[in-house]
Structure formats: C-alpha cells, structure tokens
Amino acid sequence: MFSDKVLLYPQTFLYPSKLHKAFEYFSQIFLLKLPVSDRRFNFWERNQLLPKIKYLKIKKLSKKEEEVLEKEVRLLQEWGLNFRTPETLKYLMQFKKVTEDSLEEYLSIFKRNQEIDENFEEVLRIKRALIILSLAEELDFFLYEVENSLKEVEAKLSEFFQEKIIGEDETFEKILFGRHPKEEFIFSENLFNLNLRVFSWKILLPHLNWDEVPFPKALLVTEKVLIENWQEMAGTLEEISLNSDIIFFRFNKPLKQLLDIPETFSFSFPNETQVFLLK
C-alpha cells in the first residue's frame, strides 16, 4: 500500500505546478521548517497549497533564535552581492582574511564564547545547516520567480509583435527567438549543490521534533541521481509508474540507512522505504 504522506527531500521549495501534481496522490507533504519558511506563507496560501503542507521543526529552536537566523540569512544574501562580478570577486580574493573577517562580523554564531559553551560545535553545525538550506530555498524560489517573469515578458512581446508589427505569422518565434530556442528560456529545476543539501539534512534530521508529527514513511524526491544512488546501495524491490509524472520505488533498506542518519537517532524505522520520484 502506498503512503499518502511524504517528506520532500532534500529541497524545501517545489514549483506549485509540481506540488499540485503530487497532491493528486498525497494527502500531505512535509517540509523542513527553516528560518526563511515564513517568507513562503503567503505564496503557498495564494496557490491554495497551505492546508496540505506540514512543517517539521527543529527541537529547542526558539522563535527568537529563528528570527536571528532569518536576519543572518538576509545579511548573507546582501554580503554575497559583493561577488556579483568577476572583477569584485578577484579583488576581494586578494584580501581573503579581510573578507572572512567581514563574514564573521555578520554571523552572531561566531561570536559565542567557545571556552564556556560546551555545545558550541554542535550548535554551530546545526545553525550552519539551517543557513545552507535557507539560502538554497531562497535560490530555488528566486529562480522560479525569474522563470515566471521571463515567461510573462515573452508572452507580452509575442502579443505586441503580433498585434502591432507583423500580425499573425507562424515565423514569429523564429524571428524573435531565432538564435535561442524557446526551451532555453525555461529553467531547469535540477537542484544546485545537491550534495551540500544532503549533508545538511543529515545533520538536522536527528534534531527534528518528531513528537509533534508522525515520521513520514515515504520520501518525495525530484532528483533521479538520488534514486540511482539508493538503487546501488539498497536494491529496488519494486518500481511502478503511477502516471507520466510520478514513479514509485520500494527499497530494501530502512529510511535511516538511505539518508545516512546517525546511529544516535533512536527512532524506529520500517525495514523498507517508499520513495516517489516526481518528474
């Protein structure tokens, strides 16, 4: 029997068109709650997706700490604007120590007293992972918005040329986009820095508050390379195409092993794992 609740992995943002396809099969999709997740609240609500989304939170992360991390993500985004051109990047890399020191000034986590804080290293790992995934979500959402903007511009140009200049003409697209096929304007949804996202999840999974929600028995992924890695590691017990967009896999390993969750995580997992690949 297929699970009707899935955990989106390893991203925390998915195009609404894909989510609507997924909700044809799933009653609920779990997302990791990040410091920037509240920025998506209105977006999910506008797209009528909010009721079916459930957030997984980090244990013992206060609202104040979330706000501090959200601010630091924003500051990092602003700091990263220094590297927008090859010229500025080359210049700043000549003063690497100054650049690194300026980054530490942005992040409050580096200002903790390491000598009296015995949990410093663990806290640093958790917050670093949260910041990495937050920046990844911001990038995914930004690319989604850019793609939508390009589509709108393309549609307006098409309408303008047809109405004001050349009228109805089958050669229009060849004239306007002769050197760039239309498909090149549609961004690939492949995840950037996939390995870094996976590594960050490995750090955070043992610290999620599973007391609030039941642990999802299945994963929802969009990256085929993950499926290939797990097939090599665990072997596939079952593979079923549910439709043209979703393929179901059943692996002969518990989720704990597929995600390389540390042994210190005491949660009990089923011996097999269900994974849904969303194209």
Protein backbone atom coordinates (compact mmCIF):
# COMPACT_ATOMS: atom_id res chain seq x y z
CA MET A 1 0.00 0.00 0.00
CA PHE A 2 1.32 3.44 -0.95
CA SER A 3 1.91 6.01 1.76
CA ASP A 4 -0.28 9.10 1.41
CA LYS A 5 2.10 11.30 3.43
CA VAL A 6 5.60 12.10 2.17
CA LEU A 7 8.65 14.11 3.19
CA LEU A 8 10.04 16.42 0.48
CA TYR A 9 13.79 15.80 0.27
CA PRO A 10 16.31 17.42 0.10
CA GLN A 11 14.77 20.74 -1.05
CA THR A 12 12.20 22.78 0.87
CA PHE A 13 10.57 24.53 -2.08
CA LEU A 14 8.83 22.96 -5.05
CA TYR A 15 7.15 24.59 -8.04
CA PRO A 16 3.38 24.88 -7.42
CA SER A 17 2.66 23.04 -10.67
CA LYS A 18 4.61 20.05 -9.36
CA LEU A 19 3.01 20.22 -5.93
CA HIS A 20 -0.47 20.16 -7.48
CA LYS A 21 0.53 17.03 -9.39
CA ALA A 22 1.84 15.47 -6.18
CA PHE A 23 -1.33 16.22 -4.25
CA GLU A 24 -3.29 14.08 -6.68
CA TYR A 25 -1.69 11.16 -4.81
CA PHE A 26 -0.70 12.50 -1.38
CA SER A 27 -2.87 13.96 1.36
CA GLN A 28 0.03 15.79 2.98
CA ILE A 29 3.58 16.83 2.19
CA PHE A 30 6.07 17.55 4.98
CA LEU A 31 8.59 20.37 4.56
CA LEU A 32 11.53 21.22 6.77
CA LYS A 33 10.83 24.44 8.71
CA LEU A 34 13.66 26.89 8.05
CA PRO A 35 14.31 30.43 9.24
CA VAL A 36 13.06 31.69 5.84
CA SER A 37 9.97 29.46 5.63
CA ASP A 38 7.61 32.21 6.80
CA ARG A 39 8.52 34.16 3.64
CA ARG A 40 6.67 31.48 1.63
CA PHE A 41 3.49 31.52 3.75
CA ASN A 42 1.54 33.94 1.53
CA PHE A 43 2.86 32.23 -1.59
CA TRP A 44 1.56 28.79 -0.52
CA GLU A 45 -1.75 30.36 0.52
CA ARG A 46 -2.16 32.14 -2.85
CA ASN A 47 -1.59 28.87 -4.65
CA GLN A 48 -4.09 27.03 -2.42
CA LEU A 49 -1.40 24.68 -1.10
CA LEU A 50 -1.11 25.71 2.54
CA PRO A 51 -3.70 23.30 4.05
CA LYS A 52 -1.80 20.26 2.74
CA ILE A 53 1.67 21.40 3.82
CA LYS A 54 3.01 20.41 7.24
CA TYR A 55 6.25 21.80 8.66
CA LEU A 56 8.82 19.82 10.62
CA LYS A 57 10.57 21.97 13.21
CA ILE A 58 13.93 21.81 14.95
CA LYS A 59 13.80 20.92 18.64
CA LYS A 60 14.58 23.64 21.15
CA LEU A 61 14.90 26.35 18.49
CA SER A 62 13.15 29.36 19.95
CA LYS A 63 11.26 31.97 17.97
CA LYS A 64 13.97 34.48 18.84
CA GLU A 65 16.71 32.18 17.51
CA GLU A 66 14.71 31.70 14.30
CA GLU A 67 14.45 35.45 13.87
CA VAL A 68 18.21 35.87 14.41
CA LEU A 69 18.96 33.18 11.82
CA GLU A 70 16.50 34.71 9.35
CA LYS A 71 18.27 38.04 9.76
CA GLU A 72 21.65 36.40 9.23
CA VAL A 73 20.42 34.74 6.02
CA ARG A 74 19.28 38.15 4.79
CA LEU A 75 22.66 39.69 5.71
CA LEU A 76 24.50 36.86 3.94
CA GLN A 77 22.46 37.50 0.81
CA GLU A 78 23.44 41.16 0.96
CA TRP A 79 27.07 40.24 1.67
CA GLY A 80 27.07 37.91 -1.33
CA LEU A 81 26.19 40.81 -3.61
CA ASN A 82 29.85 41.83 -3.25
CA PHE A 83 30.71 38.92 -5.55
CA ARG A 84 28.37 39.79 -8.40
CA THR A 85 31.12 40.44 -10.95
CA PRO A 86 34.44 38.70 -11.74
CA GLU A 87 36.24 41.97 -11.04
CA THR A 88 34.97 42.36 -7.48
CA LEU A 89 35.46 38.65 -6.82
CA LYS A 90 39.08 38.83 -7.95
CA TYR A 91 39.67 41.96 -5.87
CA LEU A 92 38.16 40.52 -2.69
CA MET A 93 40.02 37.21 -3.02
CA GLN A 94 43.27 39.15 -2.85
CA PHE A 95 42.24 40.08 0.69
CA LYS A 96 40.86 36.71 1.76
CA LYS A 97 41.42 37.24 5.50
CA VAL A 98 39.61 40.59 5.46
CA THR A 99 36.76 39.01 3.52
CA GLU A 100 36.46 36.12 6.00
CA ASP A 101 36.57 38.50 8.96
CA SER A 102 33.79 40.59 7.44
CA LEU A 103 31.67 37.44 7.12
CA GLU A 104 32.19 36.55 10.79
CA GLU A 105 31.01 40.03 11.73
CA TYR A 106 27.70 39.24 10.05
CA LEU A 107 27.07 35.96 11.88
CA SER A 108 26.32 36.03 15.60
CA ILE A 109 27.07 32.30 15.94
CA PHE A 110 30.80 33.02 15.57
CA LYS A 111 30.63 35.46 18.47
CA ARG A 112 29.65 32.86 21.06
CA ASN A 113 32.19 32.18 23.79
CA GLN A 114 33.69 28.86 22.73
CA GLU A 115 35.52 28.37 26.03
CA ILE A 116 32.39 28.42 28.22
CA ASP A 117 29.94 26.98 25.71
CA GLU A 118 30.47 23.21 25.66
CA ASN A 119 27.84 22.78 22.93
CA PHE A 120 29.41 25.34 20.63
CA GLU A 121 30.47 22.90 17.91
CA GLU A 122 27.11 21.13 17.79
CA VAL A 123 25.17 24.41 17.77
CA LEU A 124 27.43 25.71 15.00
CA ARG A 125 26.79 22.60 12.88
CA ILE A 126 23.01 22.87 13.28
CA LYS A 127 22.83 26.58 12.52
CA ARG A 128 25.23 26.23 9.61
CA ALA A 129 22.99 23.52 8.12
CA LEU A 130 19.90 25.69 8.62
CA ILE A 131 21.57 28.64 6.92
CA ILE A 132 22.75 26.50 3.97
CA LEU A 133 19.26 25.10 3.36
CA SER A 134 17.72 28.54 3.83
CA LEU A 135 19.99 30.02 1.17
CA ALA A 136 19.16 27.04 -1.07
CA GLU A 137 15.42 27.66 -0.66
CA GLU A 138 15.89 31.34 -1.44
CA LEU A 139 17.80 30.41 -4.60
CA ASP A 140 15.13 27.91 -5.70
CA PHE A 141 12.35 30.44 -5.15
CA PHE A 142 14.31 33.20 -6.90
CA LEU A 143 14.87 31.03 -9.99
CA TYR A 144 11.17 30.16 -10.02
CA GLU A 145 10.26 33.85 -9.97
CA VAL A 146 12.80 34.67 -12.70
CA GLU A 147 11.41 31.92 -14.92
CA ASN A 148 7.86 33.21 -14.43
CA SER A 149 8.99 36.76 -15.22
CA LEU A 150 10.69 35.61 -18.43
CA LYS A 151 7.54 33.79 -19.48
CA GLU A 152 5.49 36.93 -18.87
CA VAL A 153 7.93 39.05 -20.87
CA GLU A 154 7.92 36.52 -23.69
CA ALA A 155 4.11 36.48 -23.76
CA LYS A 156 3.89 40.28 -23.81
CA LEU A 157 6.48 40.54 -26.59
CA SER A 158 4.63 37.91 -28.57
CA GLU A 159 1.35 39.77 -28.19
CA PHE A 160 2.97 43.11 -29.07
CA PHE A 161 4.69 41.82 -32.22
CA GLN A 162 1.60 40.02 -33.42
CA GLU A 163 -0.75 42.95 -32.85
CA LYS A 164 1.47 45.95 -33.68
CA ILE A 165 4.09 44.78 -36.14
CA ILE A 166 3.74 41.53 -38.03
CA GLY A 167 0.27 40.25 -37.24
CA GLU A 168 -0.42 36.53 -37.18
CA ASP A 169 2.71 34.91 -38.55
CA GLU A 170 3.95 31.35 -37.99
CA THR A 171 7.53 32.57 -38.42
CA PHE A 172 7.22 34.98 -35.47
CA GLU A 173 9.08 32.86 -32.96
CA LYS A 174 11.87 32.21 -35.44
CA ILE A 175 12.26 35.95 -35.98
CA LEU A 176 12.18 36.92 -32.30
CA PHE A 177 13.99 33.93 -30.83
CA GLY A 178 15.91 32.73 -33.85
CA ARG A 179 19.21 32.23 -32.02
CA HIS A 180 17.67 30.98 -28.76
CA PRO A 181 15.06 28.22 -28.94
CA LYS A 182 12.10 28.81 -26.68
CA GLU A 183 13.08 25.87 -24.47
CA GLU A 184 16.28 27.63 -23.41
CA PHE A 185 14.21 30.24 -21.59
CA ILE A 186 12.67 27.56 -19.36
CA PHE A 187 14.97 27.00 -16.42
CA SER A 188 15.95 23.53 -15.35
CA GLU A 189 14.64 22.59 -11.91
CA ASN A 190 17.71 20.50 -11.10
CA LEU A 191 18.91 21.34 -7.63
CA PHE A 192 22.13 23.26 -7.21
CA ASN A 193 24.62 21.95 -4.61
CA LEU A 194 22.73 18.70 -4.13
CA ASN A 195 25.47 17.08 -2.02
CA LEU A 196 25.62 20.06 0.32
CA ARG A 197 21.86 19.90 0.82
CA VAL A 198 22.01 16.18 1.57
CA PHE A 199 24.84 16.74 4.07
CA SER A 200 22.84 19.48 5.82
CA TRP A 201 19.81 17.21 6.13
CA LYS A 202 21.98 14.52 7.70
CA ILE A 203 22.95 16.99 10.43
CA LEU A 204 19.41 18.22 11.07
CA LEU A 205 17.33 15.01 10.94
CA PRO A 206 18.20 13.83 14.47
CA HIS A 207 17.20 17.25 15.82
CA LEU A 208 13.74 17.44 14.27
CA ASN A 209 10.79 17.49 16.65
CA TRP A 210 9.08 14.21 15.78
CA ASP A 211 6.86 14.47 18.87
CA GLU A 212 4.66 16.98 17.05
CA VAL A 213 4.11 14.94 13.88
CA PRO A 214 4.38 11.28 12.89
CA PHE A 215 7.54 10.40 10.98
CA PRO A 216 6.63 10.16 7.26
CA LYS A 217 7.16 6.66 5.93
CA ALA A 218 7.98 7.84 2.40
CA LEU A 219 10.11 10.39 0.58
CA LEU A 220 9.21 12.65 -2.33
CA VAL A 221 12.23 13.48 -4.49
CA THR A 222 12.81 15.18 -7.84
CA GLU A 223 16.44 14.22 -8.40
CA LYS A 224 16.92 10.99 -10.35
CA VAL A 225 20.53 10.74 -9.18
CA LEU A 226 19.28 10.09 -5.63
CA ILE A 227 17.23 7.14 -6.89
CA GLU A 228 20.25 5.78 -8.74
CA ASN A 229 22.44 6.08 -5.62
CA TRP A 230 19.87 4.28 -3.48
CA GLN A 231 19.37 1.56 -6.07
CA GLU A 232 23.10 0.90 -5.94
CA MET A 233 23.11 0.94 -2.14
CA ALA A 234 19.91 -0.93 -1.31
CA GLY A 235 18.48 -2.59 -4.38
CA THR A 236 14.96 -1.98 -5.67
CA LEU A 237 12.20 -4.31 -4.52
CA GLU A 238 9.54 -2.66 -6.63
CA GLU A 239 9.21 0.04 -9.30
CA ILE A 240 5.82 1.25 -10.55
CA SER A 241 4.92 4.16 -12.83
CA LEU A 242 1.85 5.70 -11.20
CA ASN A 243 1.41 8.12 -14.10
CA SER A 244 3.57 10.12 -16.51
CA ASP A 245 4.82 12.33 -13.64
CA ILE A 246 5.34 10.02 -10.64
CA ILE A 247 7.30 6.78 -10.29
CA PHE A 248 7.08 4.70 -7.11
CA PHE A 249 10.13 2.83 -5.74
CA ARG A 250 10.37 0.43 -2.82
CA PHE A 251 13.86 -0.06 -1.42
CA ASN A 252 15.17 -2.93 0.67
CA LYS A 253 16.64 -0.67 3.35
CA PRO A 254 15.16 1.47 6.15
CA LEU A 255 14.98 5.21 5.66
CA LYS A 256 17.64 5.63 8.34
CA GLN A 257 20.20 3.94 6.10
CA LEU A 258 19.16 5.65 2.88
CA LEU A 259 19.60 9.06 4.47
CA ASP A 260 22.66 8.02 6.47
CA ILE A 261 21.08 9.17 9.74
CA PRO A 262 23.48 8.85 12.71
CA GLU A 263 23.10 5.80 14.93
CA THR A 264 22.36 8.08 17.89
CA PHE A 265 18.94 8.75 16.37
CA SER A 266 16.75 6.26 18.25
CA PHE A 267 13.59 6.47 16.13
CA SER A 268 12.42 3.09 14.83
CA PHE A 269 12.07 2.83 11.04
CA PRO A 270 10.31 0.23 8.86
CA ASN A 271 12.70 -2.24 7.19
CA GLU A 272 11.70 -0.98 3.75
CA THR A 273 11.44 2.54 2.34
CA GLN A 274 8.97 4.02 -0.11
CA VAL A 275 10.23 6.75 -2.42
CA PHE A 276 8.26 8.69 -5.04
CA LEU A 277 10.15 10.32 -7.91
CA LEU A 278 8.32 13.39 -9.19
CA LYS A 279 9.39 14.35 -12.71
